[in-house]
Protein backbone atom coordinates (compact mmCIF):
# COMPACT_ATOMS: atom_id res chain seq x y z
CA MET A 1 -23.56 34.39 37.13
CA GLY A 2 -25.57 31.23 38.75
CA ARG A 3 -22.32 29.71 40.14
CA CYS A 4 -21.09 32.67 41.85
CA VAL A 5 -24.46 33.31 43.34
CA GLU A 6 -24.58 29.68 44.59
CA THR A 7 -21.25 30.15 45.94
CA GLY A 8 -21.98 33.50 47.41
CA ASP A 9 -25.55 31.63 49.17
CA ALA A 10 -23.50 29.02 50.59
CA ILE A 11 -20.84 31.84 52.31
CA GLY A 12 -24.02 33.43 53.63
CA LYS A 13 -25.76 30.52 54.83
CA ALA A 14 -22.75 29.58 57.08
CA PHE A 15 -22.52 33.01 58.32
CA GLY A 16 -26.08 33.84 58.70
CA LEU A 17 -25.64 36.12 56.29
CA ALA A 18 -27.80 36.99 53.09
CA PRO A 19 -25.66 37.90 50.22
CA SER A 20 -26.85 40.56 47.16
CA ALA A 21 -25.44 40.38 43.78
CA MET A 22 -22.99 43.35 42.64
CA PRO A 23 -23.23 43.97 38.83
CA GLY A 24 -19.83 45.44 39.10
CA LEU A 25 -18.42 42.15 39.83
CA ASN A 26 -20.35 40.28 36.41
CA ASP A 27 -17.99 38.11 34.79
CA ILE A 28 -16.32 39.96 31.37
CA ASP A 29 -19.38 40.55 28.70
CA TYR A 30 -17.86 38.04 26.02
CA GLY A 31 -20.25 39.10 23.27
CA GLU A 32 -20.46 37.68 20.53
CA TRP A 33 -18.26 34.86 21.61
CA GLN A 34 -20.82 33.89 24.41
CA GLY A 35 -21.42 30.13 24.35
CA LEU A 36 -19.00 29.01 21.80
CA THR A 37 -16.06 26.73 22.09
CA THR A 38 -12.59 28.22 21.76
CA ASP A 39 -12.81 26.69 18.58
CA GLU A 40 -15.88 28.04 17.17
CA ALA A 41 -14.65 31.83 18.15
CA ARG A 42 -11.12 31.34 16.64
CA GLY A 43 -13.10 29.89 13.36
CA ARG A 44 -14.84 33.31 13.07
CA TRP A 45 -12.58 35.35 14.79
CA PRO A 46 -8.80 34.16 14.58
CA GLY A 47 -6.93 37.53 14.30
CA GLU A 48 -9.25 38.51 17.96
CA LEU A 49 -8.64 35.43 19.88
CA ASP A 50 -5.14 35.25 19.00
CA THR A 51 -4.86 39.00 20.45
CA TRP A 52 -6.69 37.67 23.53
CA TYR A 53 -4.59 35.28 23.79
CA ARG A 54 -1.17 37.20 23.15
CA HIS A 55 -1.87 40.40 24.45
CA PRO A 56 -5.13 40.53 26.39
CA ASP A 57 -4.70 44.32 27.44
CA TRP A 58 -5.14 45.07 23.19
CA ALA A 59 -8.06 42.70 22.62
CA ALA A 60 -11.69 43.86 21.79
CA ILE A 61 -14.30 40.93 22.47
CA PRO A 62 -16.76 41.45 19.16
CA GLY A 63 -19.80 43.03 20.95
CA GLY A 64 -18.22 42.88 24.06
CA GLU A 65 -16.33 43.89 26.76
CA THR A 66 -12.45 45.09 26.76
CA LEU A 67 -10.61 44.15 30.02
CA GLN A 68 -10.06 47.88 30.53
CA ASP A 69 -13.83 47.89 31.04
CA VAL A 70 -13.80 45.12 33.60
CA LEU A 71 -11.36 47.04 35.64
CA ALA A 72 -13.23 50.01 35.72
CA ARG A 73 -16.52 48.36 36.77
CA ALA A 74 -14.71 45.75 39.32
CA LEU A 75 -12.86 48.83 40.90
CA SER A 76 -15.94 51.00 40.78
CA ALA A 77 -17.74 48.17 43.15
CA LEU A 78 -14.94 47.66 44.57
CA ARG A 79 -14.31 51.17 46.31
CA ASP A 80 -17.82 51.11 47.04
CA VAL A 81 -17.55 47.98 49.37
CA VAL A 82 -14.56 49.19 50.82
CA ASP A 83 -16.23 52.71 51.16
CA ARG A 84 -19.07 50.80 53.16
CA HIS A 85 -16.66 48.46 55.13
CA PRO A 86 -13.57 49.93 55.90
CA SER A 87 -12.42 48.14 58.55
CA ASP A 88 -14.88 44.75 58.14
CA ALA A 89 -13.88 41.53 56.22
CA VAL A 90 -15.76 41.38 53.28
CA VAL A 91 -15.95 38.02 50.87
CA LEU A 92 -17.18 38.99 47.17
CA VAL A 93 -17.75 36.32 44.73
CA ALA A 94 -16.82 36.73 40.88
CA HIS A 95 -15.22 34.88 38.11
CA ASP A 96 -11.93 34.40 37.28
CA SER A 97 -11.66 37.40 34.90
CA VAL A 98 -13.02 39.83 37.44
CA ASN A 99 -10.47 38.21 39.89
CA ARG A 100 -7.42 39.06 38.06
CA VAL A 101 -7.94 42.41 36.85
CA ILE A 102 -8.79 43.20 40.91
CA LEU A 103 -5.49 41.61 41.64
CA LEU A 104 -3.11 42.91 38.95
CA HIS A 105 -4.52 46.10 40.04
CA ALA A 106 -3.81 45.56 43.53
CA LEU A 107 -0.28 44.51 42.76
CA GLY A 108 0.57 47.26 40.75
CA LEU A 109 0.76 45.11 37.68
CA PRO A 110 -0.90 46.22 34.10
CA LEU A 111 -3.57 44.11 31.98
CA SER A 112 -1.11 42.33 29.74
CA ARG A 113 -0.07 40.12 32.67
CA TYR A 114 -3.45 38.85 32.81
CA TRP A 115 -2.76 35.28 31.85
CA ARG A 116 -0.01 35.24 34.42
CA LEU A 117 -1.78 34.86 37.30
CA GLY A 118 -3.50 31.33 38.16
CA GLN A 119 -7.75 31.70 39.02
CA HIS A 120 -8.96 28.28 39.35
CA PRO A 121 -12.43 27.88 40.55
CA CYS A 122 -13.45 28.52 44.37
CA ALA A 123 -10.34 29.92 44.60
CA ILE A 124 -9.45 32.38 47.29
CA ASN A 125 -7.90 35.40 47.00
CA GLU A 126 -7.39 37.71 50.56
CA ILE A 127 -6.32 41.41 49.81
CA ASP A 128 -6.45 43.83 52.27
CA PHE A 129 -7.38 47.13 51.23
CA LEU A 130 -5.57 49.96 53.49
CA GLY A 131 -5.70 53.68 53.00
CA ASP A 132 -3.54 54.54 50.10
CA GLY A 133 -3.51 51.02 48.69
CA SER A 134 -3.25 47.15 48.66
CA VAL A 135 -2.01 44.11 50.22
CA VAL A 136 -2.48 40.94 48.53
CA LEU A 137 -1.98 38.32 50.98
CA SER A 138 -2.80 35.27 49.04
CA MET A 139 -3.85 34.20 45.78
CA ASN A 140 -5.50 31.31 44.07
CA GLU A 141 -5.18 29.20 47.31
CA THR A 142 -7.56 26.04 47.17
CA GLY A 143 -6.57 23.89 49.83
CA HIS A 144 -9.69 24.06 51.46
CA LEU A 145 -11.41 22.33 48.27
CA ARG A 146 -8.76 19.67 48.76
CA GLU A 147 -9.58 19.80 52.73
CA ALA A 148 -13.95 19.39 51.75
CA ALA A 149 -12.41 16.26 49.47
CA SER A 150 -11.23 14.50 52.17
CA PRO A 151 -13.37 11.62 53.55
């Protein structure tokens, strides 16, 4: 979560705003997988890890969250933001799991498509939330990173 807080602080500073953390946008709870490498998790939970990569919508991370759990809490946080700022531009900073489930929902796609959406670190996704739905304007945009790296 530290990276998201730092990113939010940098964006807020550029606009003279003080960002606030939203627990509903926390990364997925990896439970007993937290802090393990993929190989370590595979050694202890080979079936569960295989399900995570083949059928993420069926996966139950030992002691952690399902994608359905992440979607429910992320959408609750998102509804709160949209209700408070119905016509404002708002920046939300989250990890790739939260970004993916929000994008899948906005696109009307099932959670089974989770691995089909790329989400690079610091990528920008742009979504318009309308009265009766949403429109995804851009996904996984990283051009700003190339521009920042240029001399």
